[in-house]
PDB file of N, CA and C in Angstrom:
ATOM      1  N   MET A   1      91.851 -85.327-134.552  1.00  0.00           N
ATOM      2  CA  MET A   1      91.947 -85.480-135.985  1.00  0.00           C
ATOM      3  C   MET A   1      92.975 -85.097-136.501  1.00  0.00           C
ATOM      4  N   ARG A   2      94.359 -86.058-136.974  1.00  0.00           N
ATOM      5  CA  ARG A   2      95.712 -85.580-137.528  1.00  0.00           C
ATOM      6  C   ARG A   2      95.888 -85.068-138.644  1.00  0.00           C
ATOM      7  N   GLY A   3      96.886 -84.872-139.608  1.00  0.00           N
ATOM      8  CA  GLY A   3      96.486 -85.440-140.499  1.00  0.00           C
ATOM      9  C   GLY A   3      97.932 -84.257-141.035  1.00  0.00           C
ATOM     10  N   ILE A   4      99.529 -85.098-141.122  1.00  0.00           N
ATOM     11  CA  ILE A   4     100.774 -84.440-142.198  1.00  0.00           C
ATOM     12  C   ILE A   4     100.408 -84.805-144.088  1.00  0.00           C
ATOM     13  N   GLN A   5     100.377 -83.532-144.154  1.00  0.00           N
ATOM     14  CA  GLN A   5     101.626 -83.584-145.681  1.00  0.00           C
ATOM     15  C   GLN A   5     102.572 -82.170-146.059  1.00  0.00           C
ATOM     16  N   ARG A   6     104.144 -83.689-146.463  1.00  0.00           N
ATOM     17  CA  ARG A   6     104.498 -82.326-147.026  1.00  0.00           C
ATOM     18  C   ARG A   6     105.121 -82.826-147.875  1.00  0.00           C
ATOM     19  N   ALA A   7     104.889 -80.865-148.525  1.00  0.00           N
ATOM     20  CA  ALA A   7     103.780 -80.843-149.353  1.00  0.00           C
ATOM     21  C   ALA A   7     105.187 -80.886-150.816  1.00  0.00           C
ATOM     22  N   ARG A   8     106.068 -80.870-151.239  1.00  0.00           N
ATOM     23  CA  ARG A   8     107.341 -81.694-151.521  1.00  0.00           C
ATOM     24  C   ARG A   8     106.847 -82.983-152.007  1.00  0.00           C
ATOM     25  N   TYR A   9     106.156 -83.429-151.214  1.00  0.00           N
ATOM     26  CA  TYR A   9     106.115 -84.567-151.594  1.00  0.00           C
ATOM     27  C   TYR A   9     104.972 -84.894-152.018  1.00  0.00           C
ATOM     28  N   ARG A  10     103.529 -84.527-152.451  1.00  0.00           N
ATOM     29  CA  ARG A  10     102.182 -84.298-152.264  1.00  0.00           C
ATOM     30  C   ARG A  10     101.525 -85.333-153.604  1.00  0.00           C
ATOM     31  N   THR A  11     102.491 -85.738-154.432  1.00  0.00           N
ATOM     32  CA  THR A  11     102.543 -86.826-155.787  1.00  0.00           C
ATOM     33  C   THR A  11     103.446 -88.066-155.591  1.00  0.00           C
ATOM     34  N   SER A  12     104.344 -87.640-154.847  1.00  0.00           N
ATOM     35  CA  SER A  12     105.203 -88.849-155.007  1.00  0.00           C
ATOM     36  C   SER A  12     105.454 -88.578-153.897  1.00  0.00           C
ATOM     37  N   LEU A  13     106.414 -89.600-153.000  1.00  0.00           N
ATOM     38  CA  LEU A  13     106.788 -89.934-151.964  1.00  0.00           C
ATOM     39  C   LEU A  13     108.540 -90.499-151.949  1.00  0.00           C
ATOM     40  N   THR A  14     108.696 -91.150-153.504  1.00  0.00           N
ATOM     41  CA  THR A  14     110.072 -90.711-153.813  1.00  0.00           C
ATOM     42  C   THR A  14     110.672 -89.867-154.394  1.00  0.00           C
ATOM     43  N   ASP A  15     109.607 -88.897-155.477  1.00  0.00           N
ATOM     44  CA  ASP A  15     109.857 -87.811-156.629  1.00  0.00           C
ATOM     45  C   ASP A  15     109.260 -86.627-155.548  1.00  0.00           C
ATOM     46  N   PRO A  16     110.352 -85.408-154.576  1.00  0.00           N
ATOM     47  CA  PRO A  16     109.640 -84.924-154.662  1.00  0.00           C
ATOM     48  C   PRO A  16     109.154 -83.688-155.451  1.00  0.00           C
ATOM     49  N   GLU A  17     108.922 -82.372-155.187  1.00  0.00           N
ATOM     50  CA  GLU A  17     108.150 -81.537-155.935  1.00  0.00           C
ATOM     51  C   GLU A  17     108.717 -80.056-155.247  1.00  0.00           C
ATOM     52  N   PRO A  18     109.534 -79.415-155.155  1.00  0.00           N
ATOM     53  CA  PRO A  18     109.496 -78.725-154.753  1.00  0.00           C
ATOM     54  C   PRO A  18     108.677 -77.111-154.277  1.00  0.00           C
ATOM     55  N   LEU A  19     107.579 -76.756-154.442  1.00  0.00           N
ATOM     56  CA  LEU A  19     107.157 -75.800-153.977  1.00  0.00           C
ATOM     57  C   LEU A  19     107.229 -74.522-154.704  1.00  0.00           C
ATOM     58  N   GLN A  20     106.657 -74.170-155.971  1.00  0.00           N
ATOM     59  CA  GLN A  20     107.048 -72.906-156.137  1.00  0.00           C
ATOM     60  C   GLN A  20     106.275 -71.215-155.905  1.00  0.00           C
ATOM     61  N   PRO A  21     106.901 -70.733-155.663  1.00  0.00           N
ATOM     62  CA  PRO A  21     106.207 -69.473-154.371  1.00  0.00           C
ATOM     63  C   PRO A  21     105.178 -68.610-155.767  1.00  0.00           C
ATOM     64  N   GLY A  22     104.112 -68.253-155.205  1.00  0.00           N
ATOM     65  CA  GLY A  22     103.299 -67.155-155.707  1.00  0.00           C
ATOM     66  C   GLY A  22     101.826 -68.630-156.297  1.00  0.00           C
ATOM     67  N   THR A  23     102.640 -69.870-156.354  1.00  0.00           N
ATOM     68  CA  THR A  23     101.066 -70.476-157.688  1.00  0.00           C
ATOM     69  C   THR A  23     100.671 -71.655-156.629  1.00  0.00           C
ATOM     70  N   VAL A  24      99.264 -71.736-156.695  1.00  0.00           N
ATOM     71  CA  VAL A  24      97.988 -72.123-156.183  1.00  0.00           C
ATOM     72  C   VAL A  24      97.971 -73.908-155.770  1.00  0.00           C
ATOM     73  N   TYR A  25      98.611 -75.016-155.059  1.00  0.00           N
ATOM     74  CA  TYR A  25      98.162 -76.389-154.921  1.00  0.00           C
ATOM     75  C   TYR A  25      97.352 -76.885-154.090  1.00  0.00           C
ATOM     76  N   GLU A  26      96.971 -77.379-154.815  1.00  0.00           N
ATOM     77  CA  GLU A  26      95.597 -78.793-154.031  1.00  0.00           C
ATOM     78  C   GLU A  26      95.972 -79.455-153.498  1.00  0.00           C
ATOM     79  N   LEU A  27      95.944 -79.997-152.331  1.00  0.00           N
ATOM     80  CA  LEU A  27      96.846 -80.617-151.445  1.00  0.00           C
ATOM     81  C   LEU A  27      95.133 -81.389-150.914  1.00  0.00           C
ATOM     82  N   THR A  28      95.950 -82.541-151.097  1.00  0.00           N
ATOM     83  CA  THR A  28      94.961 -83.644-150.170  1.00  0.00           C
ATOM     84  C   THR A  28      95.564 -84.118-148.996  1.00  0.00           C
ATOM     85  N   ILE A  29      94.799 -84.286-147.848  1.00  0.00           N
ATOM     86  CA  ILE A  29      95.232 -83.776-146.419  1.00  0.00           C
ATOM     87  C   ILE A  29      94.912 -85.620-145.553  1.00  0.00           C
ATOM     88  N   ASP A  30      95.454 -86.483-145.309  1.00  0.00           N
ATOM     89  CA  ASP A  30      94.746 -87.911-145.072  1.00  0.00           C
ATOM     90  C   ASP A  30      94.193 -87.728-143.344  1.00  0.00           C
ATOM     91  N   LEU A  31      93.239 -87.075-143.017  1.00  0.00           N
ATOM     92  CA  LEU A  31      93.703 -87.512-141.462  1.00  0.00           C
ATOM     93  C   LEU A  31      92.804 -88.924-140.200  1.00  0.00           C
ATOM     94  N   SER A  32      93.383 -90.088-141.475  1.00  0.00           N
ATOM     95  CA  SER A  32      93.291 -90.828-140.661  1.00  0.00           C
ATOM     96  C   SER A  32      92.521 -91.751-140.192  1.00  0.00           C
ATOM     97  N   VAL A  33      92.387 -92.656-139.968  1.00  0.00           N
ATOM     98  CA  VAL A  33      91.042 -92.578-138.858  1.00  0.00           C
ATOM     99  C   VAL A  33      90.475 -93.047-137.420  1.00  0.00           C
ATOM    100  N   THR A  34      89.357 -92.523-137.710  1.00  0.00           N
ATOM    101  CA  THR A  34      88.998 -92.151-136.464  1.00  0.00           C
ATOM    102  C   THR A  34      87.301 -92.206-136.254  1.00  0.00           C
ATOM    103  N   ALA A  35      87.257 -91.419-135.408  1.00  0.00           N
ATOM    104  CA  ALA A  35      85.665 -91.179-135.465  1.00  0.00           C
ATOM    105  C   ALA A  35      85.155 -90.253-133.905  1.00  0.00           C
ATOM    106  N   ASN A  36      84.543 -89.252-133.834  1.00  0.00           N
ATOM    107  CA  ASN A  36      83.458 -88.992-132.915  1.00  0.00           C
ATOM    108  C   ASN A  36      82.392 -88.712-133.549  1.00  0.00           C
ATOM    109  N   VAL A  37      81.348 -87.868-132.180  1.00  0.00           N
ATOM    110  CA  VAL A  37      80.234 -87.672-132.343  1.00  0.00           C
ATOM    111  C   VAL A  37      80.319 -86.392-132.014  1.00  0.00           C
ATOM    112  N   PHE A  38      79.655 -85.616-133.131  1.00  0.00           N
ATOM    113  CA  PHE A  38      78.850 -84.240-133.475  1.00  0.00           C
ATOM    114  C   PHE A  38      77.343 -84.316-132.827  1.00  0.00           C
ATOM    115  N   LEU A  39      77.714 -83.773-131.905  1.00  0.00           N
ATOM    116  CA  LEU A  39      76.087 -83.778-130.659  1.00  0.00           C
ATOM    117  C   LEU A  39      75.516 -81.975-131.222  1.00  0.00           C
ATOM    118  N   PRO A  40      74.739 -81.633-131.205  1.00  0.00           N
ATOM    119  CA  PRO A  40      74.278 -80.357-131.748  1.00  0.00           C
ATOM    120  C   PRO A  40      74.690 -79.176-130.997  1.00  0.00           C
ATOM    121  N   GLY A  41      74.450 -77.706-131.910  1.00  0.00           N
ATOM    122  CA  GLY A  41      75.757 -77.458-130.781  1.00  0.00           C
ATOM    123  C   GLY A  41      77.776 -77.424-130.469  1.00  0.00           C
ATOM    124  N   HIS A  42      77.727 -78.022-131.146  1.00  0.00           N
ATOM    125  CA  HIS A  42      78.735 -79.563-131.748  1.00  0.00           C
ATOM    126  C   HIS A  42      79.848 -78.340-132.788  1.00  0.00           C
ATOM    127  N   ARG A  43      81.021 -78.063-132.466  1.00  0.00           N
ATOM    128  CA  ARG A  43      81.952 -76.553-133.679  1.00  0.00           C
ATOM    129  C   ARG A  43      82.621 -78.196-133.315  1.00  0.00           C
ATOM    130  N   ILE A  44      83.349 -77.642-135.408  1.00  0.00           N
ATOM    131  CA  ILE A  44      84.582 -78.346-135.323  1.00  0.00           C
ATOM    132  C   ILE A  44      85.342 -77.557-135.589  1.00  0.00           C
ATOM    133  N   ARG A  45      86.710 -77.257-135.606  1.00  0.00           N
ATOM    134  CA  ARG A  45      88.207 -76.228-136.753  1.00  0.00           C
ATOM    135  C   ARG A  45      89.218 -76.706-136.628  1.00  0.00           C
ATOM    136  N   LEU A  46      89.150 -76.076-137.795  1.00  0.00           N
ATOM    137  CA  LEU A  46      90.504 -76.942-138.927  1.00  0.00           C
ATOM    138  C   LEU A  46      91.399 -75.223-138.955  1.00  0.00           C
ATOM    139  N   GLU A  47      92.953 -76.436-138.101  1.00  0.00           N
ATOM    140  CA  GLU A  47      94.215 -75.187-138.748  1.00  0.00           C
ATOM    141  C   GLU A  47      94.752 -76.337-139.414  1.00  0.00           C
ATOM    142  N   VAL A  48      96.044 -74.932-139.435  1.00  0.00           N
ATOM    143  CA  VAL A  48      96.800 -75.307-140.574  1.00  0.00           C
ATOM    144  C   VAL A  48      98.077 -74.537-140.060  1.00  0.00           C
ATOM    145  N   SER A  49      99.021 -75.621-140.037  1.00  0.00           N
ATOM    146  CA  SER A  49     100.295 -75.540-139.846  1.00  0.00           C
ATOM    147  C   SER A  49     101.770 -75.769-140.633  1.00  0.00           C
ATOM    148  N   SER A  50     103.028 -74.829-140.080  1.00  0.00           N
ATOM    149  CA  SER A  50     103.952 -75.787-140.829  1.00  0.00           C
ATOM    150  C   SER A  50     105.171 -76.237-139.791  1.00  0.00           C
ATOM    151  N   SER A  51     104.287 -76.921-138.576  1.00  0.00           N
ATOM    152  CA  SER A  51     104.921 -77.530-137.270  1.00  0.00           C
ATOM    153  C   SER A  51     103.999 -78.269-136.475  1.00  0.00           C
ATOM    154  N   ASN A  52     104.422 -79.165-135.950  1.00  0.00           N
ATOM    155  CA  ASN A  52     103.654 -80.330-135.464  1.00  0.00           C
ATOM    156  C   ASN A  52     104.401 -80.716-134.561  1.00  0.00           C
ATOM    157  N   PHE A  53     106.682 -80.060-133.955  1.00  0.00           N
ATOM    158  CA  PHE A  53     106.969 -79.964-133.556  1.00  0.00           C
ATOM    159  C   PHE A  53     106.944 -80.279-132.278  1.00  0.00           C
ATOM    160  N   PRO A  54     106.973 -81.442-131.022  1.00  0.00           N
ATOM    161  CA  PRO A  54     108.459 -82.336-131.738  1.00  0.00           C
ATOM    162  C   PRO A  54     107.217 -83.659-132.395  1.00  0.00           C
ATOM    163  N   ARG A  55     106.121 -83.183-132.703  1.00  0.00           N
ATOM    164  CA  ARG A  55     105.725 -85.029-133.061  1.00  0.00           C
ATOM    165  C   ARG A  55     105.784 -85.426-134.580  1.00  0.00           C
ATOM    166  N   TYR A  56     106.528 -84.259-134.548  1.00  0.00           N
ATOM    167  CA  TYR A  56     106.548 -84.617-136.554  1.00  0.00           C
ATOM    168  C   TYR A  56     107.941 -83.777-136.969  1.00  0.00           C
ATOM    169  N   ASP A  57     108.780 -84.345-137.373  1.00  0.00           N
ATOM    170  CA  ASP A  57     110.012 -83.840-137.786  1.00  0.00           C
ATOM    171  C   ASP A  57     109.542 -82.354-138.861  1.00  0.00           C
ATOM    172  N   ARG A  58     110.119 -81.408-137.772  1.00  0.00           N
ATOM    173  CA  ARG A  58     110.493 -79.864-138.164  1.00  0.00           C
ATOM    174  C   ARG A  58     110.263 -80.014-139.845  1.00  0.00           C
ATOM    175  N   ASN A  59     110.246 -78.776-140.199  1.00  0.00           N
ATOM    176  CA  ASN A  59     110.417 -78.431-141.618  1.00  0.00           C
ATOM    177  C   ASN A  59     110.817 -77.701-141.813  1.00  0.00           C
ATOM    178  N   THR A  60     112.195 -77.458-141.642  1.00  0.00           N
ATOM    179  CA  THR A  60     113.407 -76.388-142.268  1.00  0.00           C
ATOM    180  C   THR A  60     112.993 -75.369-143.093  1.00  0.00           C
ATOM    181  N   ASN A  61     112.150 -76.071-144.587  1.00  0.00           N
ATOM    182  CA  ASN A  61     111.204 -75.471-145.639  1.00  0.00           C
ATOM    183  C   ASN A  61     112.705 -74.875-145.989  1.00  0.00           C
ATOM    184  N   THR A  62     113.803 -75.055-146.372  1.00  0.00           N
ATOM    185  CA  THR A  62     115.131 -75.447-147.469  1.00  0.00           C
ATOM    186  C   THR A  62     114.873 -75.343-148.500  1.00  0.00           C
ATOM    187  N   GLY A  63     114.096 -77.332-148.601  1.00  0.00           N
ATOM    188  CA  GLY A  63     113.684 -78.094-149.446  1.00  0.00           C
ATOM    189  C   GLY A  63     115.023 -78.665-149.437  1.00  0.00           C
ATOM    190  N   LYS A  64     115.763 -78.709-148.558  1.00  0.00           N
ATOM    191  CA  LYS A  64     117.112 -79.773-148.684  1.00  0.00           C
ATOM    192  C   LYS A  64     116.451 -80.773-147.477  1.00  0.00           C
ATOM    193  N   THR A  65     117.239 -82.283-148.121  1.00  0.00           N
ATOM    194  CA  THR A  65     116.282 -83.632-147.145  1.00  0.00           C
ATOM    195  C   THR A  65     117.422 -83.004-145.263  1.00  0.00           C
ATOM    196  N   ILE A  66     115.983 -83.078-144.879  1.00  0.00           N
ATOM    197  CA  ILE A  66     116.570 -83.201-143.809  1.00  0.00           C
ATOM    198  C   ILE A  66     117.467 -83.024-142.766  1.00  0.00           C
ATOM    199  N   ALA A  67     118.597 -84.483-142.981  1.00  0.00           N
ATOM    200  CA  ALA A  67     119.536 -84.141-142.391  1.00  0.00           C
ATOM    201  C   ALA A  67     120.423 -83.711-143.089  1.00  0.00           C
ATOM    202  N   ALA A  68     120.571 -83.006-144.142  1.00  0.00           N
ATOM    203  CA  ALA A  68     121.586 -82.027-144.373  1.00  0.00           C
ATOM    204  C   ALA A  68     121.701 -80.829-143.391  1.00  0.00           C
ATOM    205  N   ASP A  69     120.224 -80.134-143.269  1.00  0.00           N
ATOM    206  CA  ASP A  69     119.704 -78.681-142.894  1.00  0.00           C
ATOM    207  C   ASP A  69     120.896 -78.943-142.008  1.00  0.00           C
ATOM    208  N   THR A  70     121.313 -77.401-141.162  1.00  0.00           N
ATOM    209  CA  THR A  70     121.607 -76.897-140.064  1.00  0.00           C
ATOM    210  C   THR A  70     120.308 -75.173-139.632  1.00  0.00           C
ATOM    211  N   GLU A  71     121.406 -75.399-138.329  1.00  0.00           N
ATOM    212  CA  GLU A  71     120.207 -74.106-137.806  1.00  0.00           C
ATOM    213  C   GLU A  71     120.469 -73.141-137.967  1.00  0.00           C
ATOM    214  N   ASP A  72     121.581 -73.210-139.341  1.00  0.00           N
ATOM    215  CA  ASP A  72     121.316 -71.494-139.961  1.00  0.00           C
ATOM    216  C   ASP A  72     120.926 -72.202-141.327  1.00  0.00           C
ATOM    217  N   ASP A  73     120.177 -73.123-142.095  1.00  0.00           N
ATOM    218  CA  ASP A  73     119.068 -73.304-143.170  1.00  0.00           C
ATOM    219  C   ASP A  73     117.213 -72.916-142.679  1.00  0.00           C
ATOM    220  N   LEU A  74     117.057 -72.540-141.748  1.00  0.00           N
ATOM    221  CA  LEU A  74     115.497 -71.920-141.259  1.00  0.00           C
ATOM    222  C   LEU A  74     115.346 -70.888-142.511  1.00  0.00           C
ATOM    223  N   ALA A  75     113.985 -71.458-142.851  1.00  0.00           N
ATOM    224  CA  ALA A  75     113.026 -70.428-143.279  1.00  0.00           C
ATOM    225  C   ALA A  75     112.003 -69.948-143.346  1.00  0.00           C
ATOM    226  N   VAL A  76     111.665 -69.035-143.453  1.00  0.00           N
ATOM    227  CA  VAL A  76     109.644 -69.010-142.297  1.00  0.00           C
ATOM    228  C   VAL A  76     109.096 -69.460-143.521  1.00  0.00           C
ATOM    229  N   ALA A  77     108.391 -70.184-143.407  1.00  0.00           N
ATOM    230  CA  ALA A  77     106.586 -70.842-144.739  1.00  0.00           C
ATOM    231  C   ALA A  77     106.072 -69.892-144.072  1.00  0.00           C
ATOM    232  N   VAL A  78     105.097 -69.119-145.316  1.00  0.00           N
ATOM    233  CA  VAL A  78     103.801 -69.243-145.310  1.00  0.00           C
ATOM    234  C   VAL A  78     103.021 -69.451-146.235  1.00  0.00           C
ATOM    235  N   ASN A  79     101.810 -70.057-145.605  1.00  0.00           N
ATOM    236  CA  ASN A  79     100.992 -70.615-145.668  1.00  0.00           C
ATOM    237  C   ASN A  79      99.375 -69.872-146.030  1.00  0.00           C
ATOM    238  N   ARG A  80      98.858 -70.451-147.205  1.00  0.00           N
ATOM    239  CA  ARG A  80      97.816 -69.789-147.340  1.00  0.00           C
ATOM    240  C   ARG A  80      96.659 -70.771-147.769  1.00  0.00           C
ATOM    241  N   VAL A  81      95.098 -70.478-147.406  1.00  0.00           N
ATOM    242  CA  VAL A  81      94.954 -71.214-147.749  1.00  0.00           C
ATOM    243  C   VAL A  81      93.808 -70.532-148.418  1.00  0.00           C
ATOM    244  N   HIS A  82      93.378 -71.131-149.834  1.00  0.00           N
ATOM    245  CA  HIS A  82      92.709 -70.123-150.825  1.00  0.00           C
ATOM    246  C   HIS A  82      91.105 -71.225-150.786  1.00  0.00           C
ATOM    247  N   HIS A  83      90.282 -70.082-151.078  1.00  0.00           N
ATOM    248  CA  HIS A  83      88.884 -70.268-150.592  1.00  0.00           C
ATOM    249  C   HIS A  83      87.858 -69.331-151.665  1.00  0.00           C
ATOM    250  N   GLY A  84      86.823 -69.540-152.212  1.00  0.00           N
ATOM    251  CA  GLY A  84      86.076 -69.158-152.895  1.00  0.00           C
ATOM    252  C   GLY A  84      85.716 -69.310-153.851  1.00  0.00           C
ATOM    253  N   PRO A  85      85.141 -68.733-155.065  1.00  0.00           N
ATOM    254  CA  PRO A  85      84.603 -69.576-156.702  1.00  0.00           C
ATOM    255  C   PRO A  85      85.726 -70.175-157.469  1.00  0.00           C
ATOM    256  N   ALA A  86      87.307 -69.319-157.211  1.00  0.00           N
ATOM    257  CA  ALA A  86      88.292 -69.626-157.759  1.00  0.00           C
ATOM    258  C   ALA A  86      89.119 -70.573-157.386  1.00  0.00           C
ATOM    259  N   HIS A  87      89.148 -71.176-156.311  1.00  0.00           N
ATOM    260  CA  HIS A  87      89.866 -71.689-155.203  1.00  0.00           C
ATOM    261  C   HIS A  87      89.438 -72.640-154.475  1.00  0.00           C
ATOM    262  N   PRO A  88      88.049 -73.063-154.441  1.00  0.00           N
ATOM    263  CA  PRO A  88      86.976 -73.657-153.573  1.00  0.00           C
ATOM    264  C   PRO A  88      87.656 -74.825-152.785  1.00  0.00           C
ATOM    265  N   SER A  89      87.786 -74.968-151.305  1.00  0.00           N
ATOM    266  CA  SER A  89      88.783 -75.223-150.246  1.00  0.00           C
ATOM    267  C   SER A  89      87.220 -76.115-149.753  1.00  0.00           C
ATOM    268  N   ARG A  90      87.603 -77.641-149.293  1.00  0.00           N
ATOM    269  CA  ARG A  90      86.262 -78.330-148.314  1.00  0.00           C
ATOM    270  C   ARG A  90      87.101 -79.407-147.173  1.00  0.00           C
ATOM    271  N   LEU A  91      86.530 -79.610-147.160  1.00  0.00           N
ATOM    272  CA  LEU A  91      86.588 -80.411-145.013  1.00  0.00           C
ATOM    273  C   LEU A  91      85.916 -81.859-145.144  1.00  0.00           C
ATOM    274  N   VAL A  92      85.859 -82.512-145.418  1.00  0.00           N
ATOM    275  CA  VAL A  92      85.460 -83.351-146.404  1.00  0.00           C
ATOM    276  C   VAL A  92      85.568 -84.429-145.027  1.00  0.00           C
ATOM    277  N   LEU A  93      84.372 -85.053-144.505  1.00  0.00           N
ATOM    278  CA  LEU A  93      83.957 -85.630-143.434  1.00  0.00           C
ATOM    279  C   LEU A  93      82.533 -86.549-143.327  1.00  0.00           C
ATOM    280  N   PRO A  94      83.105 -88.255-143.742  1.00  0.00           N
ATOM    281  CA  PRO A  94      82.003 -89.053-144.153  1.00  0.00           C
ATOM    282  C   PRO A  94      81.335 -89.212-142.693  1.00  0.00           C
ATOM    283  N   LEU A  95      79.761 -89.384-142.881  1.00  0.00           N
ATOM    284  CA  LEU A  95      79.311 -89.701-141.642  1.00  0.00           C
ATOM    285  C   LEU A  95      78.647 -90.868-142.135  1.00  0.00           C
ATOM    286  N   VAL A  96      78.832 -91.314-140.546  1.00  0.00           N
ATOM    287  CA  VAL A  96      78.040 -92.926-140.393  1.00  0.00           C
ATOM    288  C   VAL A  96      76.997 -93.315-139.911  1.00  0.00           C
ATOM    289  N   GLU A  97      76.546 -93.077-139.817  1.00  0.00           N
ATOM    290  CA  GLU A  97      75.134 -93.515-138.676  1.00  0.00           C
ATOM    291  C   GLU A  97      75.102 -94.246-137.600  1.00  0.00           C
ATOM    292  N   ARG A  98      74.723 -94.053-136.649  1.00  0.00           N
ATOM    293  CA  ARG A  98      75.112 -94.531-134.914  1.00  0.00           C
ATOM    294  C   ARG A  98      74.393 -95.724-135.755  1.00  0.00           C
ATOM    295  N   PRO A  99      74.274 -96.966-134.413  1.00  0.00           N
ATOM    296  CA  PRO A  99      72.942 -98.036-134.040  1.00  0.00           C
ATOM    297  C   PRO A  99      72.750 -97.472-133.558  1.00  0.00           C
ATOM    298  N   GLN A 100      71.452 -98.116-133.308  1.00  0.00           N
ATOM    299  CA  GLN A 100      70.752 -97.493-132.111  1.00  0.00           C
ATOM    300  C   GLN A 100      71.483 -98.214-130.712  1.00  0.00           C
ATOM    301  N   THR A 101      71.027 -97.795-129.667  1.00  0.00           N
ATOM    302  CA  THR A 101      71.778 -99.266-128.654  1.00  0.00           C
ATOM    303  C   THR A 101      70.762 -98.608-127.907  1.00  0.00           C
ATOM    304  N   GLU A 102      70.837 -99.703-126.975  1.00  0.00           N
ATOM    305  CA  GLU A 102      69.804-100.008-125.781  1.00  0.00           C
ATOM    306  C   GLU A 102      70.655 -98.901-124.603  1.00  0.00           C
ATOM    307  N   HIS A 103      71.257 -99.040-124.799  1.00  0.00           N
ATOM    308  CA  HIS A 103      71.639 -98.423-123.507  1.00  0.00           C
ATOM    309  C   HIS A 103      72.273 -96.680-124.089  1.00  0.00           C
ATOM    310  N   PRO A 104      71.412 -95.335-122.859  1.00  0.00           N
ATOM    311  CA  PRO A 104      71.525 -94.280-123.216  1.00  0.00           C
ATOM    312  C   PRO A 104      73.144 -94.088-123.227  1.00  0.00           C
ATOM    313  N   THR A 105      74.019 -93.345-123.989  1.00  0.00           N
ATOM    314  CA  THR A 105      75.468 -92.404-124.333  1.00  0.00           C
ATOM    315  C   THR A 105      75.136 -91.145-123.090  1.00  0.00           C
ATOM    316  N   ALA A 106      75.944 -91.006-122.766  1.00  0.00           N
ATOM    317  CA  ALA A 106      77.126 -89.733-121.560  1.00  0.00           C
ATOM    318  C   ALA A 106      75.560 -88.488-121.545  1.00  0.00           C
ATOM    319  N   THR A 107      75.820 -88.571-123.269  1.00  0.00           N
ATOM    320  CA  THR A 107      75.044 -87.408-123.781  1.00  0.00           C
ATOM    321  C   THR A 107      73.571 -87.150-123.185  1.00  0.00           C
ATOM    322  N   GLU A 108      72.861 -88.284-123.974  1.00  0.00           N
ATOM    323  CA  GLU A 108      71.645 -88.942-124.089  1.00  0.00           C
ATOM    324  C   GLU A 108      70.382 -88.939-123.007  1.00  0.00           C
ATOM    325  N   GLU A 109      69.209 -88.636-122.885  1.00  0.00           N
ATOM    326  CA  GLU A 109      68.639 -88.468-121.647  1.00  0.00           C
ATOM    327  C   GLU A 109      67.848 -90.131-121.641  1.00  0.00           C
ATOM    328  N   PRO A 110      68.104 -90.660-120.401  1.00  0.00           N
ATOM    329  CA  PRO A 110      67.474 -92.351-120.372  1.00  0.00           C
ATOM    330  C   PRO A 110      65.820 -92.305-121.188  1.00  0.00           C
ATOM    331  N   THR A 111      65.045 -93.289-121.451  1.00  0.00           N
ATOM    332  CA  THR A 111      63.503 -92.975-121.919  1.00  0.00           C
ATOM    333  C   THR A 111      62.728 -93.646-120.575  1.00  0.00           C
TER     334      THR A 111
END
């Protein structure tokens, strides 16, 4: 599952709003349509990153349009995931019941 959200476009794709340092923002990141079967003992991991280049265009973190940035315009981004009573964070994974099949999956024992 992958999702991407350039934070300055968090409320609108046409009217960017730069982030202000020290301010906490709520972001909703759509992981797109996908399906995974989680069996007992499986684990999931959530990674937050400033980049996934070359899969997605790089973010130079300047607030300029991507085409206007140069190699000299790179800025370091600091990402923080706030969690706890004041800033509850969550990962929502919808549950879809699997229909019973006549054929066992690779991890099920035949009956």
